Amino acid sequence: MSDMTINIADKQKFKMLIEEIIKALQRIEDEKLVVKDMSEAIESQFEIKKSVAVKLARTIHKSNFDDIKEENEYFEELYELIARK
């Protein structure tokens, strides 16, 4: 065990910060459930795979379509080079 010590004020501040992290983590979990529910709704209403709906939303959010396109083209080239017989 370490010889770590902390004064009362710092301990309270530390605990408060940890509690804020816990709240933030809970919000993240909650929002992931919202994304899951929305992607399931898209899948059932529009017959678009959940993974594709989420990828589309993420790409639009990050405005990185060109990066995704380039990565996919690179992946296709590697696949053709390595996996095709």
C-alpha atoms as a PDB file:
ATOM      1  CA  MET A   1       0.000   0.000   0.000  1.00  0.00           C
ATOM      2  CA  SER A   2       1.267   3.485  -0.818  1.00  0.00           C
ATOM      3  CA  ASP A   3       1.938   6.317   1.607  1.00  0.00           C
ATOM      4  CA  MET A   4      -0.459   8.624  -0.236  1.00  0.00           C
ATOM      5  CA  THR A   5      -2.094  11.301   1.877  1.00  0.00           C
ATOM      6  CA  ILE A   6      -4.671  13.923   1.028  1.00  0.00           C
ATOM      7  CA  ASN A   7      -6.111  16.784   3.013  1.00  0.00           C
ATOM      8  CA  ILE A   8      -9.850  17.062   3.657  1.00  0.00           C
ATOM      9  CA  ALA A   9     -10.448  19.884   1.151  1.00  0.00           C
ATOM     10  CA  ASP A  10      -8.616  18.058  -1.627  1.00  0.00           C
ATOM     11  CA  LYS A  11     -10.410  14.829  -0.767  1.00  0.00           C
ATOM     12  CA  GLN A  12     -13.782  16.565  -1.107  1.00  0.00           C
ATOM     13  CA  LYS A  13     -12.760  18.190  -4.386  1.00  0.00           C
ATOM     14  CA  PHE A  14     -11.475  14.859  -5.675  1.00  0.00           C
ATOM     15  CA  LYS A  15     -14.716  13.097  -4.724  1.00  0.00           C
ATOM     16  CA  MET A  16     -16.738  15.838  -6.432  1.00  0.00           C
ATOM     17  CA  LEU A  17     -14.731  15.444  -9.633  1.00  0.00           C
ATOM     18  CA  ILE A  18     -15.135  11.661  -9.551  1.00  0.00           C
ATOM     19  CA  GLU A  19     -18.892  12.105  -9.108  1.00  0.00           C
ATOM     20  CA  GLU A  20     -18.970  14.388 -12.157  1.00  0.00           C
ATOM     21  CA  ILE A  21     -17.121  11.761 -14.179  1.00  0.00           C
ATOM     22  CA  ILE A  22     -19.643   9.144 -13.061  1.00  0.00           C
ATOM     23  CA  LYS A  23     -22.525  11.412 -14.140  1.00  0.00           C
ATOM     24  CA  ALA A  24     -20.868  12.023 -17.512  1.00  0.00           C
ATOM     25  CA  LEU A  25     -20.363   8.292 -18.024  1.00  0.00           C
ATOM     26  CA  GLN A  26     -24.046   7.703 -17.229  1.00  0.00           C
ATOM     27  CA  ARG A  27     -25.069  10.347 -19.790  1.00  0.00           C
ATOM     28  CA  ILE A  28     -22.890   8.600 -22.378  1.00  0.00           C
ATOM     29  CA  GLU A  29     -24.565   5.259 -21.622  1.00  0.00           C
ATOM     30  CA  ASP A  30     -27.994   6.897 -21.848  1.00  0.00           C
ATOM     31  CA  GLU A  31     -27.185   8.499 -25.200  1.00  0.00           C
ATOM     32  CA  LYS A  32     -25.874   5.190 -26.542  1.00  0.00           C
ATOM     33  CA  LEU A  33     -29.280   3.708 -25.753  1.00  0.00           C
ATOM     34  CA  VAL A  34     -30.943   6.552 -27.677  1.00  0.00           C
ATOM     35  CA  VAL A  35     -28.698   5.830 -30.679  1.00  0.00           C
ATOM     36  CA  LYS A  36     -29.545   2.126 -30.407  1.00  0.00           C
ATOM     37  CA  ASP A  37     -33.279   2.830 -30.275  1.00  0.00           C
ATOM     38  CA  MET A  38     -33.147   5.245 -33.220  1.00  0.00           C
ATOM     39  CA  SER A  39     -31.053   2.880 -35.333  1.00  0.00           C
ATOM     40  CA  GLU A  40     -33.491   0.046 -34.582  1.00  0.00           C
ATOM     41  CA  ALA A  41     -36.363   2.306 -35.663  1.00  0.00           C
ATOM     42  CA  ILE A  42     -34.549   3.085 -38.925  1.00  0.00           C
ATOM     43  CA  GLU A  43     -33.941  -0.606 -39.506  1.00  0.00           C
ATOM     44  CA  SER A  44     -37.554  -1.580 -38.924  1.00  0.00           C
ATOM     45  CA  GLN A  45     -39.113   1.355 -40.810  1.00  0.00           C
ATOM     46  CA  PHE A  46     -36.697   1.699 -43.729  1.00  0.00           C
ATOM     47  CA  GLU A  47     -35.015  -1.740 -43.897  1.00  0.00           C
ATOM     48  CA  ILE A  48     -31.569  -0.157 -43.551  1.00  0.00           C
ATOM     49  CA  LYS A  49     -29.113  -2.012 -41.342  1.00  0.00           C
ATOM     50  CA  LYS A  50     -28.567  -0.439 -37.918  1.00  0.00           C
ATOM     51  CA  SER A  51     -24.814  -0.388 -38.444  1.00  0.00           C
ATOM     52  CA  VAL A  52     -25.197   1.489 -41.734  1.00  0.00           C
ATOM     53  CA  ALA A  53     -27.592   4.028 -40.194  1.00  0.00           C
ATOM     54  CA  VAL A  54     -25.188   4.701 -37.329  1.00  0.00           C
ATOM     55  CA  LYS A  55     -22.209   4.929 -39.693  1.00  0.00           C
ATOM     56  CA  LEU A  56     -24.116   7.382 -41.877  1.00  0.00           C
ATOM     57  CA  ALA A  57     -25.095   9.525 -38.888  1.00  0.00           C
ATOM     58  CA  ARG A  58     -21.546   9.459 -37.526  1.00  0.00           C
ATOM     59  CA  THR A  59     -20.101  10.392 -40.913  1.00  0.00           C
ATOM     60  CA  ILE A  60     -22.515  13.298 -41.316  1.00  0.00           C
ATOM     61  CA  HIS A  61     -21.819  14.420 -37.749  1.00  0.00           C
ATOM     62  CA  LYS A  62     -18.046  14.355 -38.235  1.00  0.00           C
ATOM     63  CA  SER A  63     -18.208  15.668 -41.810  1.00  0.00           C
ATOM     64  CA  ASN A  64     -15.625  13.097 -42.833  1.00  0.00           C
ATOM     65  CA  PHE A  65     -17.184  11.426 -45.866  1.00  0.00           C
ATOM     66  CA  ASP A  66     -14.044  11.866 -47.960  1.00  0.00           C
ATOM     67  CA  ASP A  67     -11.939  10.173 -45.280  1.00  0.00           C
ATOM     68  CA  ILE A  68     -14.381   7.263 -45.047  1.00  0.00           C
ATOM     69  CA  LYS A  69     -14.486   6.919 -48.823  1.00  0.00           C
ATOM     70  CA  GLU A  70     -10.691   6.911 -49.048  1.00  0.00           C
ATOM     71  CA  GLU A  71     -10.414   4.339 -46.251  1.00  0.00           C
ATOM     72  CA  ASN A  72     -12.965   2.083 -47.958  1.00  0.00           C
ATOM     73  CA  GLU A  73     -11.145   2.316 -51.289  1.00  0.00           C
ATOM     74  CA  TYR A  74      -7.881   1.443 -49.560  1.00  0.00           C
ATOM     75  CA  PHE A  75      -9.573  -1.486 -47.806  1.00  0.00           C
ATOM     76  CA  GLU A  76     -10.945  -2.750 -51.141  1.00  0.00           C
ATOM     77  CA  GLU A  77      -7.493  -2.576 -52.709  1.00  0.00           C
ATOM     78  CA  LEU A  78      -5.950  -4.479 -49.806  1.00  0.00           C
ATOM     79  CA  TYR A  79      -8.700  -7.058 -49.860  1.00  0.00           C
ATOM     80  CA  GLU A  80      -8.252  -7.629 -53.592  1.00  0.00           C
ATOM     81  CA  LEU A  81      -4.493  -7.899 -53.138  1.00  0.00           C
ATOM     82  CA  ILE A  82      -4.536 -10.231 -50.142  1.00  0.00           C
ATOM     83  CA  ALA A  83      -7.770 -12.204 -50.034  1.00  0.00           C
ATOM     84  CA  ARG A  84      -8.804 -12.770 -53.650  1.00  0.00           C
ATOM     85  CA  LYS A  85      -7.649 -16.048 -55.154  1.00  0.00           C
END
